[in-house]
């Protein structure tokens, strides 16, 4: 069971706190950060870590714990802020993000950061590994679930679709794929670079069960995740989000993929979040 089980209002407050951490974290990083990607995933991560996942900081070696894989590894900054809020890593680690010899590198590294299940950042690796873990859990008779968050630009990687074929073939209903569909990637809008729409029909054609939610609304995320059916098909949740969500001058703007707030931008962002 999740140790927090926060209410919807508590989840909203927690998500806002994590957003504030992201602003400060990225503004102090010597190597920049992926502000837009960090912010788009906040409600998904908050819902998972403070309500849904059957895992806790004191159960990292429990073979029956749920597993979460951050396949969109460039969202590491937001991921670390969530891990700190949830007690998986010390809060005083956050200022070291991307510094030399930091335990919080620019992409998640299992050997450095408690709670990280897989080294990611080279896109397209998270889902194939999640499929392998789901197969292993089935073979071992485990009731654990495997959750994986992918970016929508990441779905241009063919390894994801090979993994989807395998997941459907082996009836991996212990696998939950969440797409952070913020419609932007490194160089611009996903529809212009490698259009994956209609995304829901593609997943269905591969034999997966598909749901959709507002990925920047914790109520929508929680209601969707808590009402999934496990009927022999892997589940895909398309979380429709806004890149940079929550801060007016960042959200929906391609240039914030690898830009971080500085100076007055930090002040303005925190002021907006303080009025949420």
C-alpha atoms as a PDB file:
ATOM      1  CA  UNK A   1       0.000   0.000   0.000  1.00  0.00           C
ATOM      2  CA  UNK A   2       1.106   3.572  -0.611  1.00  0.00           C
ATOM      3  CA  UNK A   3       2.273   5.111   2.693  1.00  0.00           C
ATOM      4  CA  UNK A   4       0.772   8.548   1.987  1.00  0.00           C
ATOM      5  CA  UNK A   5      -2.661   8.056   0.373  1.00  0.00           C
ATOM      6  CA  UNK A   6      -3.129  11.815   0.055  1.00  0.00           C
ATOM      7  CA  UNK A   7      -6.521  13.304  -0.738  1.00  0.00           C
ATOM      8  CA  UNK A   8      -7.084  15.144  -4.014  1.00  0.00           C
ATOM      9  CA  UNK A   9      -6.681  18.553  -2.345  1.00  0.00           C
ATOM     10  CA  UNK A  10      -3.513  17.376  -0.615  1.00  0.00           C
ATOM     11  CA  UNK A  11      -2.182  16.091  -3.932  1.00  0.00           C
ATOM     12  CA  UNK A  12      -2.823  19.483  -5.522  1.00  0.00           C
ATOM     13  CA  UNK A  13      -0.868  21.196  -2.756  1.00  0.00           C
ATOM     14  CA  UNK A  14       1.932  18.674  -3.062  1.00  0.00           C
ATOM     15  CA  UNK A  15       2.129  19.177  -6.829  1.00  0.00           C
ATOM     16  CA  UNK A  16       2.440  22.923  -6.321  1.00  0.00           C
ATOM     17  CA  UNK A  17       5.237  22.402  -3.787  1.00  0.00           C
ATOM     18  CA  UNK A  18       7.081  20.175  -6.262  1.00  0.00           C
ATOM     19  CA  UNK A  19       6.733  22.822  -8.977  1.00  0.00           C
ATOM     20  CA  UNK A  20       8.381  25.371  -6.705  1.00  0.00           C
ATOM     21  CA  UNK A  21      11.236  22.969  -6.080  1.00  0.00           C
ATOM     22  CA  UNK A  22      11.667  22.479  -9.843  1.00  0.00           C
ATOM     23  CA  UNK A  23      11.961  26.228 -10.463  1.00  0.00           C
ATOM     24  CA  UNK A  24      14.664  26.632  -7.826  1.00  0.00           C
ATOM     25  CA  UNK A  25      16.458  23.399  -8.730  1.00  0.00           C
ATOM     26  CA  UNK A  26      16.823  24.294 -12.407  1.00  0.00           C
ATOM     27  CA  UNK A  27      17.714  27.917 -11.751  1.00  0.00           C
ATOM     28  CA  UNK A  28      20.701  26.804  -9.620  1.00  0.00           C
ATOM     29  CA  UNK A  29      21.930  23.994 -11.868  1.00  0.00           C
ATOM     30  CA  UNK A  30      25.324  24.639 -13.502  1.00  0.00           C
ATOM     31  CA  UNK A  31      24.336  22.536 -16.516  1.00  0.00           C
ATOM     32  CA  UNK A  32      20.813  23.823 -17.097  1.00  0.00           C
ATOM     33  CA  UNK A  33      17.825  21.518 -17.054  1.00  0.00           C
ATOM     34  CA  UNK A  34      14.681  20.483 -18.883  1.00  0.00           C
ATOM     35  CA  UNK A  35      12.179  22.835 -17.290  1.00  0.00           C
ATOM     36  CA  UNK A  36       9.299  22.160 -19.681  1.00  0.00           C
ATOM     37  CA  UNK A  37       9.503  18.373 -19.329  1.00  0.00           C
ATOM     38  CA  UNK A  38       9.959  18.611 -15.550  1.00  0.00           C
ATOM     39  CA  UNK A  39       6.784  20.652 -15.180  1.00  0.00           C
ATOM     40  CA  UNK A  40       4.511  18.716 -17.532  1.00  0.00           C
ATOM     41  CA  UNK A  41       4.847  15.484 -15.529  1.00  0.00           C
ATOM     42  CA  UNK A  42       4.253  16.886 -12.024  1.00  0.00           C
ATOM     43  CA  UNK A  43       0.673  15.713 -11.490  1.00  0.00           C
ATOM     44  CA  UNK A  44       1.456  12.231 -12.816  1.00  0.00           C
ATOM     45  CA  UNK A  45       4.443  11.814 -10.481  1.00  0.00           C
ATOM     46  CA  UNK A  46       2.574  13.302  -7.527  1.00  0.00           C
ATOM     47  CA  UNK A  47      -0.387  10.971  -8.045  1.00  0.00           C
ATOM     48  CA  UNK A  48       1.877   7.944  -8.312  1.00  0.00           C
ATOM     49  CA  UNK A  49       4.211   8.610  -5.393  1.00  0.00           C
ATOM     50  CA  UNK A  50       1.675  10.038  -2.959  1.00  0.00           C
ATOM     51  CA  UNK A  51      -1.376   7.912  -3.740  1.00  0.00           C
ATOM     52  CA  UNK A  52      -1.010   5.013  -6.185  1.00  0.00           C
ATOM     53  CA  UNK A  53       2.349   3.225  -5.991  1.00  0.00           C
ATOM     54  CA  UNK A  54       2.647   0.320  -3.576  1.00  0.00           C
ATOM     55  CA  UNK A  55       6.145   1.345  -2.582  1.00  0.00           C
ATOM     56  CA  UNK A  56       7.936   3.449   0.043  1.00  0.00           C
ATOM     57  CA  UNK A  57      11.487   4.606   0.834  1.00  0.00           C
ATOM     58  CA  UNK A  58      11.952   1.764   3.334  1.00  0.00           C
ATOM     59  CA  UNK A  59      10.937  -0.935   0.819  1.00  0.00           C
ATOM     60  CA  UNK A  60      13.408  -0.348  -2.002  1.00  0.00           C
ATOM     61  CA  UNK A  61      14.615  -3.950  -1.802  1.00  0.00           C
ATOM     62  CA  UNK A  62      11.161  -5.494  -1.371  1.00  0.00           C
ATOM     63  CA  UNK A  63      10.608  -7.848  -4.340  1.00  0.00           C
ATOM     64  CA  UNK A  64       6.857  -7.220  -4.073  1.00  0.00           C
ATOM     65  CA  UNK A  65       7.053  -3.435  -4.319  1.00  0.00           C
ATOM     66  CA  UNK A  66       5.585  -1.687  -7.355  1.00  0.00           C
ATOM     67  CA  UNK A  67       8.203  -0.399  -9.787  1.00  0.00           C
ATOM     68  CA  UNK A  68       8.211   3.032 -11.423  1.00  0.00           C
ATOM     69  CA  UNK A  69      10.507   3.706 -14.405  1.00  0.00           C
ATOM     70  CA  UNK A  70      11.159   7.256 -15.600  1.00  0.00           C
ATOM     71  CA  UNK A  71      11.712   6.434 -19.260  1.00  0.00           C
ATOM     72  CA  UNK A  72      11.694  10.121 -20.257  1.00  0.00           C
ATOM     73  CA  UNK A  73      15.018  10.560 -18.520  1.00  0.00           C
ATOM     74  CA  UNK A  74      15.364  14.225 -19.437  1.00  0.00           C
ATOM     75  CA  UNK A  75      12.631  14.876 -16.838  1.00  0.00           C
ATOM     76  CA  UNK A  76      15.142  13.962 -14.138  1.00  0.00           C
ATOM     77  CA  UNK A  77      14.956  17.283 -12.303  1.00  0.00           C
ATOM     78  CA  UNK A  78      11.232  17.015 -11.687  1.00  0.00           C
ATOM     79  CA  UNK A  79      11.656  13.352 -10.787  1.00  0.00           C
ATOM     80  CA  UNK A  80      14.291  14.203  -8.141  1.00  0.00           C
ATOM     81  CA  UNK A  81      12.057  16.894  -6.657  1.00  0.00           C
ATOM     82  CA  UNK A  82       9.282  14.342  -6.275  1.00  0.00           C
ATOM     83  CA  UNK A  83      11.656  11.767  -4.751  1.00  0.00           C
ATOM     84  CA  UNK A  84      12.825  14.365  -2.238  1.00  0.00           C
ATOM     85  CA  UNK A  85       9.245  15.300  -1.299  1.00  0.00           C
ATOM     86  CA  UNK A  86       8.402  11.620  -0.846  1.00  0.00           C
ATOM     87  CA  UNK A  87      11.431  10.907   1.335  1.00  0.00           C
ATOM     88  CA  UNK A  88      13.412   8.731  -1.057  1.00  0.00           C
ATOM     89  CA  UNK A  89      16.363  11.124  -1.109  1.00  0.00           C
ATOM     90  CA  UNK A  90      17.454  13.854   1.346  1.00  0.00           C
ATOM     91  CA  UNK A  91      16.162  17.314   0.496  1.00  0.00           C
ATOM     92  CA  UNK A  92      19.641  18.766   0.972  1.00  0.00           C
ATOM     93  CA  UNK A  93      20.807  16.810  -2.071  1.00  0.00           C
ATOM     94  CA  UNK A  94      18.755  18.965  -4.435  1.00  0.00           C
ATOM     95  CA  UNK A  95      21.162  21.951  -4.608  1.00  0.00           C
ATOM     96  CA  UNK A  96      23.831  19.535  -5.896  1.00  0.00           C
ATOM     97  CA  UNK A  97      21.797  18.711  -9.033  1.00  0.00           C
ATOM     98  CA  UNK A  98      24.188  18.248 -11.973  1.00  0.00           C
ATOM     99  CA  UNK A  99      27.219  19.416  -9.994  1.00  0.00           C
ATOM    100  CA  UNK A 100      30.456  17.425 -10.244  1.00  0.00           C
ATOM    101  CA  UNK A 101      30.173  14.046  -8.468  1.00  0.00           C
ATOM    102  CA  UNK A 102      26.549  14.758  -7.559  1.00  0.00           C
ATOM    103  CA  UNK A 103      24.222  11.926  -6.622  1.00  0.00           C
ATOM    104  CA  UNK A 104      21.666  13.696  -8.836  1.00  0.00           C
ATOM    105  CA  UNK A 105      23.058  13.606 -12.397  1.00  0.00           C
ATOM    106  CA  UNK A 106      21.352  15.070 -15.449  1.00  0.00           C
ATOM    107  CA  UNK A 107      19.621  11.776 -16.223  1.00  0.00           C
ATOM    108  CA  UNK A 108      18.506   9.158 -13.674  1.00  0.00           C
ATOM    109  CA  UNK A 109      21.200   6.692 -12.606  1.00  0.00           C
ATOM    110  CA  UNK A 110      20.239   3.757 -10.405  1.00  0.00           C
ATOM    111  CA  UNK A 111      23.722   3.409  -8.918  1.00  0.00           C
ATOM    112  CA  UNK A 112      23.683   7.013  -7.666  1.00  0.00           C
ATOM    113  CA  UNK A 113      20.138   7.847  -6.569  1.00  0.00           C
ATOM    114  CA  UNK A 114      17.935   5.856  -4.150  1.00  0.00           C
ATOM    115  CA  UNK A 115      14.525   5.114  -5.633  1.00  0.00           C
ATOM    116  CA  UNK A 116      15.705   5.186  -9.246  1.00  0.00           C
ATOM    117  CA  UNK A 117      14.951   1.779 -10.767  1.00  0.00           C
ATOM    118  CA  UNK A 118      16.658   2.174 -14.151  1.00  0.00           C
ATOM    119  CA  UNK A 119      19.293   4.326 -15.848  1.00  0.00           C
ATOM    120  CA  UNK A 120      17.416   6.287 -18.526  1.00  0.00           C
ATOM    121  CA  UNK A 121      17.938   9.228 -20.834  1.00  0.00           C
ATOM    122  CA  UNK A 122      18.750   7.328 -23.984  1.00  0.00           C
ATOM    123  CA  UNK A 123      15.135   7.320 -25.086  1.00  0.00           C
ATOM    124  CA  UNK A 124      13.214   4.168 -25.850  1.00  0.00           C
ATOM    125  CA  UNK A 125      14.831   1.983 -23.196  1.00  0.00           C
ATOM    126  CA  UNK A 126      12.395   2.314 -20.311  1.00  0.00           C
ATOM    127  CA  UNK A 127       9.430   0.492 -21.796  1.00  0.00           C
ATOM    128  CA  UNK A 128      11.383  -2.561 -23.039  1.00  0.00           C
ATOM    129  CA  UNK A 129      12.902  -3.023 -19.570  1.00  0.00           C
ATOM    130  CA  UNK A 130       9.488  -2.516 -17.960  1.00  0.00           C
ATOM    131  CA  UNK A 131       8.124  -5.281 -20.198  1.00  0.00           C
ATOM    132  CA  UNK A 132      10.913  -7.587 -19.035  1.00  0.00           C
ATOM    133  CA  UNK A 133      10.125  -6.817 -15.388  1.00  0.00           C
ATOM    134  CA  UNK A 134       6.431  -7.439 -16.000  1.00  0.00           C
ATOM    135  CA  UNK A 135       7.186 -10.824 -17.602  1.00  0.00           C
ATOM    136  CA  UNK A 136       9.417 -11.748 -14.649  1.00  0.00           C
ATOM    137  CA  UNK A 137       6.708 -10.754 -12.169  1.00  0.00           C
ATOM    138  CA  UNK A 138       4.184 -12.943 -13.989  1.00  0.00           C
ATOM    139  CA  UNK A 139       6.546 -15.913 -14.010  1.00  0.00           C
ATOM    140  CA  UNK A 140       7.254 -15.468 -10.301  1.00  0.00           C
ATOM    141  CA  UNK A 141       3.587 -15.203  -9.385  1.00  0.00           C
ATOM    142  CA  UNK A 142       4.122 -11.667  -8.071  1.00  0.00           C
ATOM    143  CA  UNK A 143       1.229  -9.210  -7.724  1.00  0.00           C
ATOM    144  CA  UNK A 144       3.495  -6.188  -8.192  1.00  0.00           C
ATOM    145  CA  UNK A 145       2.734  -3.678 -10.952  1.00  0.00           C
ATOM    146  CA  UNK A 146       5.235  -2.024 -13.274  1.00  0.00           C
ATOM    147  CA  UNK A 147       4.609   1.626 -14.180  1.00  0.00           C
ATOM    148  CA  UNK A 148       6.590   3.447 -16.865  1.00  0.00           C
ATOM    149  CA  UNK A 149       6.375   7.096 -17.971  1.00  0.00           C
ATOM    150  CA  UNK A 150       7.286   7.848 -21.569  1.00  0.00           C
ATOM    151  CA  UNK A 151       7.524  11.125 -23.422  1.00  0.00           C
ATOM    152  CA  UNK A 152       5.487  11.533 -26.592  1.00  0.00           C
ATOM    153  CA  UNK A 153       8.546  12.492 -28.663  1.00  0.00           C
ATOM    154  CA  UNK A 154      10.160   9.332 -27.310  1.00  0.00           C
ATOM    155  CA  UNK A 155       7.502   7.233 -29.049  1.00  0.00           C
ATOM    156  CA  UNK A 156       9.303   7.783 -32.352  1.00  0.00           C
ATOM    157  CA  UNK A 157      11.771   5.175 -31.059  1.00  0.00           C
ATOM    158  CA  UNK A 158      10.877   1.816 -32.585  1.00  0.00           C
ATOM    159  CA  UNK A 159      11.937  -0.090 -29.468  1.00  0.00           C
ATOM    160  CA  UNK A 160       8.747   1.111 -27.776  1.00  0.00           C
ATOM    161  CA  UNK A 161       6.544  -0.500 -30.400  1.00  0.00           C
ATOM    162  CA  UNK A 162       8.501  -3.765 -30.324  1.00  0.00           C
ATOM    163  CA  UNK A 163       7.971  -3.757 -26.558  1.00  0.00           C
ATOM    164  CA  UNK A 164       4.253  -3.105 -27.045  1.00  0.00           C
ATOM    165  CA  UNK A 165       3.983  -6.174 -29.283  1.00  0.00           C
ATOM    166  CA  UNK A 166       5.631  -8.310 -26.617  1.00  0.00           C
ATOM    167  CA  UNK A 167       3.501  -6.840 -23.820  1.00  0.00           C
ATOM    168  CA  UNK A 168       0.274  -7.620 -25.642  1.00  0.00           C
ATOM    169  CA  UNK A 169       1.439 -11.088 -26.702  1.00  0.00           C
ATOM    170  CA  UNK A 170       2.219 -12.081 -23.108  1.00  0.00           C
ATOM    171  CA  UNK A 171      -0.960 -10.476 -21.693  1.00  0.00           C
ATOM    172  CA  UNK A 172       0.980  -8.235 -19.334  1.00  0.00           C
ATOM    173  CA  UNK A 173      -1.897  -6.648 -17.448  1.00  0.00           C
ATOM    174  CA  UNK A 174       0.573  -5.857 -14.650  1.00  0.00           C
ATOM    175  CA  UNK A 175       2.154  -3.226 -16.930  1.00  0.00           C
ATOM    176  CA  UNK A 176       0.889   0.374 -16.928  1.00  0.00           C
ATOM    177  CA  UNK A 177       2.342   2.701 -19.562  1.00  0.00           C
ATOM    178  CA  UNK A 178       1.746   6.424 -19.040  1.00  0.00           C
ATOM    179  CA  UNK A 179       2.398   8.732 -21.993  1.00  0.00           C
ATOM    180  CA  UNK A 180       3.254  12.317 -21.016  1.00  0.00           C
ATOM    181  CA  UNK A 181       1.699  13.755 -24.139  1.00  0.00           C
ATOM    182  CA  UNK A 182       2.772  17.402 -23.946  1.00  0.00           C
ATOM    183  CA  UNK A 183       3.064  17.676 -27.756  1.00  0.00           C
ATOM    184  CA  UNK A 184       6.574  19.145 -27.704  1.00  0.00           C
ATOM    185  CA  UNK A 185      10.071  17.695 -27.880  1.00  0.00           C
ATOM    186  CA  UNK A 186      13.655  18.904 -28.265  1.00  0.00           C
ATOM    187  CA  UNK A 187      13.328  20.784 -31.549  1.00  0.00           C
ATOM    188  CA  UNK A 188       9.676  21.772 -31.640  1.00  0.00           C
ATOM    189  CA  UNK A 189       6.181  20.331 -31.892  1.00  0.00           C
ATOM    190  CA  UNK A 190       6.003  16.555 -32.057  1.00  0.00           C
ATOM    191  CA  UNK A 191       3.363  16.697 -34.811  1.00  0.00           C
ATOM    192  CA  UNK A 192       5.856  18.491 -37.062  1.00  0.00           C
ATOM    193  CA  UNK A 193       8.877  16.311 -36.233  1.00  0.00           C
ATOM    194  CA  UNK A 194       7.382  12.807 -36.076  1.00  0.00           C
ATOM    195  CA  UNK A 195       3.625  12.733 -35.799  1.00  0.00           C
ATOM    196  CA  UNK A 196       2.368   9.798 -33.714  1.00  0.00           C
ATOM    197  CA  UNK A 197      -1.336  10.684 -33.839  1.00  0.00           C
ATOM    198  CA  UNK A 198      -3.808   9.121 -33.632  1.00  0.00           C
ATOM    199  CA  UNK A 199      -1.895   7.732 -30.672  1.00  0.00           C
ATOM    200  CA  UNK A 200      -4.814   5.974 -29.017  1.00  0.00           C
ATOM    201  CA  UNK A 201      -5.620   4.007 -32.168  1.00  0.00           C
ATOM    202  CA  UNK A 202      -1.991   2.956 -32.562  1.00  0.00           C
ATOM    203  CA  UNK A 203      -1.825   1.500 -29.052  1.00  0.00           C
ATOM    204  CA  UNK A 204      -5.169  -0.248 -29.552  1.00  0.00           C
ATOM    205  CA  UNK A 205      -3.943  -1.741 -32.818  1.00  0.00           C
ATOM    206  CA  UNK A 206      -1.029  -3.264 -30.917  1.00  0.00           C
ATOM    207  CA  UNK A 207      -3.492  -4.916 -28.543  1.00  0.00           C
ATOM    208  CA  UNK A 208      -3.304  -2.650 -25.501  1.00  0.00           C
ATOM    209  CA  UNK A 209      -6.090  -1.198 -23.356  1.00  0.00           C
ATOM    210  CA  UNK A 210      -6.137   2.599 -23.728  1.00  0.00           C
ATOM    211  CA  UNK A 211      -7.398   5.317 -21.372  1.00  0.00           C
ATOM    212  CA  UNK A 212      -6.940   9.073 -21.477  1.00  0.00           C
ATOM    213  CA  UNK A 213      -6.814  11.729 -18.794  1.00  0.00           C
ATOM    214  CA  UNK A 214      -5.941  15.354 -18.177  1.00  0.00           C
ATOM    215  CA  UNK A 215      -2.368  14.785 -17.063  1.00  0.00           C
ATOM    216  CA  UNK A 216      -2.164  18.157 -15.312  1.00  0.00           C
ATOM    217  CA  UNK A 217      -5.187  17.498 -13.096  1.00  0.00           C
ATOM    218  CA  UNK A 218      -4.526  15.148 -10.178  1.00  0.00           C
ATOM    219  CA  UNK A 219      -8.195  14.219  -9.895  1.00  0.00           C
ATOM    220  CA  UNK A 220      -8.263  13.106 -13.527  1.00  0.00           C
ATOM    221  CA  UNK A 221      -4.961  11.222 -13.168  1.00  0.00           C
ATOM    222  CA  UNK A 222      -5.982   9.468  -9.946  1.00  0.00           C
ATOM    223  CA  UNK A 223      -9.463   8.566 -11.158  1.00  0.00           C
ATOM    224  CA  UNK A 224      -7.991   7.064 -14.316  1.00  0.00           C
ATOM    225  CA  UNK A 225      -5.226   5.092 -12.591  1.00  0.00           C
ATOM    226  CA  UNK A 226      -7.532   3.821  -9.844  1.00  0.00           C
ATOM    227  CA  UNK A 227     -10.208   2.586 -12.238  1.00  0.00           C
ATOM    228  CA  UNK A 228      -8.017   0.719 -14.726  1.00  0.00           C
ATOM    229  CA  UNK A 229      -9.199  -2.772 -15.613  1.00  0.00           C
ATOM    230  CA  UNK A 230      -6.728  -5.642 -15.532  1.00  0.00           C
ATOM    231  CA  UNK A 231      -8.271  -8.065 -17.982  1.00  0.00           C
ATOM    232  CA  UNK A 232      -5.276  -9.643 -19.681  1.00  0.00           C
ATOM    233  CA  UNK A 233      -4.177  -6.545 -21.605  1.00  0.00           C
ATOM    234  CA  UNK A 234      -1.431  -4.045 -20.759  1.00  0.00           C
ATOM    235  CA  UNK A 235      -2.809  -0.609 -19.913  1.00  0.00           C
ATOM    236  CA  UNK A 236      -1.789   2.625 -21.612  1.00  0.00           C
ATOM    237  CA  UNK A 237      -2.828   5.954 -20.095  1.00  0.00           C
ATOM    238  CA  UNK A 238      -2.426   8.888 -22.452  1.00  0.00           C
ATOM    239  CA  UNK A 239      -1.892  11.810 -20.080  1.00  0.00           C
ATOM    240  CA  UNK A 240      -2.669  14.943 -22.075  1.00  0.00           C
ATOM    241  CA  UNK A 241      -0.416  17.615 -20.580  1.00  0.00           C
ATOM    242  CA  UNK A 242       1.050  21.030 -21.314  1.00  0.00           C
ATOM    243  CA  UNK A 243       4.814  21.300 -21.475  1.00  0.00           C
ATOM    244  CA  UNK A 244       5.899  23.728 -18.760  1.00  0.00           C
ATOM    245  CA  UNK A 245       2.468  23.484 -17.121  1.00  0.00           C
ATOM    246  CA  UNK A 246       1.746  25.785 -14.194  1.00  0.00           C
ATOM    247  CA  UNK A 247       3.832  28.811 -15.141  1.00  0.00           C
ATOM    248  CA  UNK A 248       2.291  31.173 -17.669  1.00  0.00           C
ATOM    249  CA  UNK A 249       5.442  32.351 -19.454  1.00  0.00           C
ATOM    250  CA  UNK A 250       6.878  28.823 -19.747  1.00  0.00           C
ATOM    251  CA  UNK A 251       3.970  26.575 -20.629  1.00  0.00           C
ATOM    252  CA  UNK A 252       3.490  25.561 -24.242  1.00  0.00           C
ATOM    253  CA  UNK A 253       6.670  27.282 -25.438  1.00  0.00           C
ATOM    254  CA  UNK A 254       9.230  25.137 -27.306  1.00  0.00           C
ATOM    255  CA  UNK A 255      12.248  27.184 -26.181  1.00  0.00           C
ATOM    256  CA  UNK A 256      11.767  25.986 -22.595  1.00  0.00           C
ATOM    257  CA  UNK A 257      12.703  22.407 -23.469  1.00  0.00           C
ATOM    258  CA  UNK A 258      16.263  23.002 -22.287  1.00  0.00           C
ATOM    259  CA  UNK A 259      16.032  26.489 -20.819  1.00  0.00           C
ATOM    260  CA  UNK A 260      15.960  27.318 -17.098  1.00  0.00           C
ATOM    261  CA  UNK A 261      14.536  30.331 -15.251  1.00  0.00           C
ATOM    262  CA  UNK A 262      17.051  32.951 -14.163  1.00  0.00           C
ATOM    263  CA  UNK A 263      16.884  36.214 -12.177  1.00  0.00           C
ATOM    264  CA  UNK A 264      13.481  37.861 -12.289  1.00  0.00           C
ATOM    265  CA  UNK A 265      12.019  34.802 -14.030  1.00  0.00           C
ATOM    266  CA  UNK A 266      12.544  32.786 -10.849  1.00  0.00           C
ATOM    267  CA  UNK A 267      10.776  35.427  -8.784  1.00  0.00           C
ATOM    268  CA  UNK A 268       7.888  35.674 -11.230  1.00  0.00           C
ATOM    269  CA  UNK A 269       7.468  31.894 -11.421  1.00  0.00           C
ATOM    270  CA  UNK A 270       7.425  31.485  -7.639  1.00  0.00           C
ATOM    271  CA  UNK A 271       4.980  34.364  -7.275  1.00  0.00           C
ATOM    272  CA  UNK A 272       2.594  32.650  -9.682  1.00  0.00           C
ATOM    273  CA  UNK A 273       2.880  29.363  -7.818  1.00  0.00           C
ATOM    274  CA  UNK A 274       2.417  31.053  -4.443  1.00  0.00           C
ATOM    275  CA  UNK A 275      -0.952  32.330  -5.648  1.00  0.00           C
ATOM    276  CA  UNK A 276      -2.174  28.903  -6.730  1.00  0.00           C
END
